[in-house]
Amino acid sequence: LYDGVVIGEGAVIGSGVIINSSTPILEPSTGKEYRLEVPANSVVVRGSNKKIISGKEVLLDCAVIVKRRNGKTSAKIALEEALR
């Protein structure tokens, strides 16, 4: 996570996720795209976004909101914290 990124309360960021000013944060369930802001209670993982550049298909890094935090997510996080 780089300077300027705002993480909403309760959000969970998966390992390997890079978010900076040029990283799109995609939410496929709604079609929304965020920049520099992870909505509250989002579960975010590393992903890729297919683009056509100069007639060639390329995959660009992005962050993907896979779901909203729920009781199962909170229980998993509590277990990880207890094991640390």
Protein backbone atom coordinates (compact mmCIF):
# COMPACT_ATOMS: atom_id res chain seq x y z
CA LEU A 1 0.00 0.00 0.00
CA TYR A 2 1.41 3.37 -1.03
CA ASP A 3 0.92 6.92 0.23
CA GLY A 4 -2.53 8.32 -0.31
CA VAL A 5 -4.44 5.03 -0.19
CA VAL A 6 -7.41 5.13 2.16
CA ILE A 7 -8.46 1.77 3.64
CA GLY A 8 -12.06 1.66 4.84
CA GLU A 9 -12.82 0.34 8.31
CA GLY A 10 -12.96 -3.46 8.48
CA ALA A 11 -11.43 -3.98 5.04
CA VAL A 12 -9.23 -7.05 4.55
CA ILE A 13 -6.32 -6.83 2.10
CA GLY A 14 -4.90 -10.13 0.83
CA SER A 15 -1.18 -10.80 0.60
CA GLY A 16 0.56 -9.61 -2.53
CA VAL A 17 -1.94 -6.82 -3.24
CA ILE A 18 -0.29 -3.61 -4.43
CA ILE A 19 -2.36 -0.45 -4.39
CA ASN A 20 -1.00 2.89 -5.58
CA SER A 21 -2.47 5.86 -7.44
CA SER A 22 -2.60 3.99 -10.76
CA THR A 23 -4.00 0.68 -9.46
CA PRO A 24 -7.65 0.12 -10.30
CA ILE A 25 -9.65 -1.51 -7.52
CA LEU A 26 -12.41 -3.42 -9.29
CA GLU A 27 -15.68 -4.67 -7.80
CA PRO A 28 -17.08 -7.13 -10.38
CA SER A 29 -20.39 -7.61 -8.53
CA THR A 30 -21.32 -3.93 -9.02
CA GLY A 31 -19.11 -2.93 -11.95
CA LYS A 32 -17.59 -0.11 -9.87
CA GLU A 33 -13.96 0.90 -10.12
CA TYR A 34 -12.20 2.68 -7.26
CA ARG A 35 -8.87 4.52 -7.09
CA LEU A 36 -6.92 5.15 -3.89
CA GLU A 37 -9.87 4.02 -1.76
CA VAL A 38 -10.78 0.56 -0.49
CA PRO A 39 -14.42 0.61 0.66
CA ALA A 40 -15.23 -0.42 4.24
CA ASN A 41 -15.62 -4.16 4.89
CA SER A 42 -14.22 -5.12 1.48
CA VAL A 43 -12.16 -8.26 0.99
CA VAL A 44 -9.51 -7.43 -1.61
CA VAL A 45 -7.18 -9.81 -3.48
CA ARG A 46 -4.60 -9.40 -6.23
CA GLY A 47 -5.94 -9.75 -9.73
CA SER A 48 -5.41 -8.83 -13.36
CA ASN A 49 -7.42 -6.85 -15.86
CA LYS A 50 -7.40 -7.73 -19.56
CA LYS A 51 -6.72 -4.80 -21.90
CA ILE A 52 -6.03 -4.44 -25.61
CA ILE A 53 -2.96 -2.27 -26.25
CA SER A 54 -1.78 -1.70 -29.82
CA GLY A 55 -3.85 -4.68 -30.94
CA LYS A 56 -2.28 -7.01 -28.37
CA GLU A 57 -4.04 -8.51 -25.38
CA VAL A 58 -2.21 -7.85 -22.10
CA LEU A 59 -2.99 -8.46 -18.43
CA LEU A 60 -2.46 -5.51 -16.10
CA ASP A 61 -2.25 -5.82 -12.30
CA CYS A 62 -5.26 -4.64 -10.34
CA ALA A 63 -6.96 -5.24 -7.01
CA VAL A 64 -10.29 -7.06 -6.94
CA ILE A 65 -13.01 -6.82 -4.30
CA VAL A 66 -14.16 -10.43 -4.11
CA LYS A 67 -16.78 -9.95 -1.40
CA ARG A 68 -17.81 -7.93 1.62
CA ARG A 69 -16.58 -8.99 5.04
CA ASN A 70 -18.93 -11.30 6.92
CA GLY A 71 -18.89 -13.44 10.06
CA LYS A 72 -16.87 -16.21 8.38
CA THR A 73 -14.21 -13.71 7.29
CA SER A 74 -14.01 -12.23 10.79
CA ALA A 75 -13.66 -15.71 12.35
CA LYS A 76 -10.81 -16.60 9.97
CA ILE A 77 -8.98 -13.36 10.81
CA ALA A 78 -9.42 -14.00 14.55
CA LEU A 79 -7.95 -17.50 14.14
CA GLU A 80 -4.93 -16.15 12.24
CA GLU A 81 -4.33 -13.53 14.93
CA ALA A 82 -4.56 -16.17 17.67
CA LEU A 83 -2.01 -18.37 15.87
CA ARG A 84 0.47 -15.50 15.61
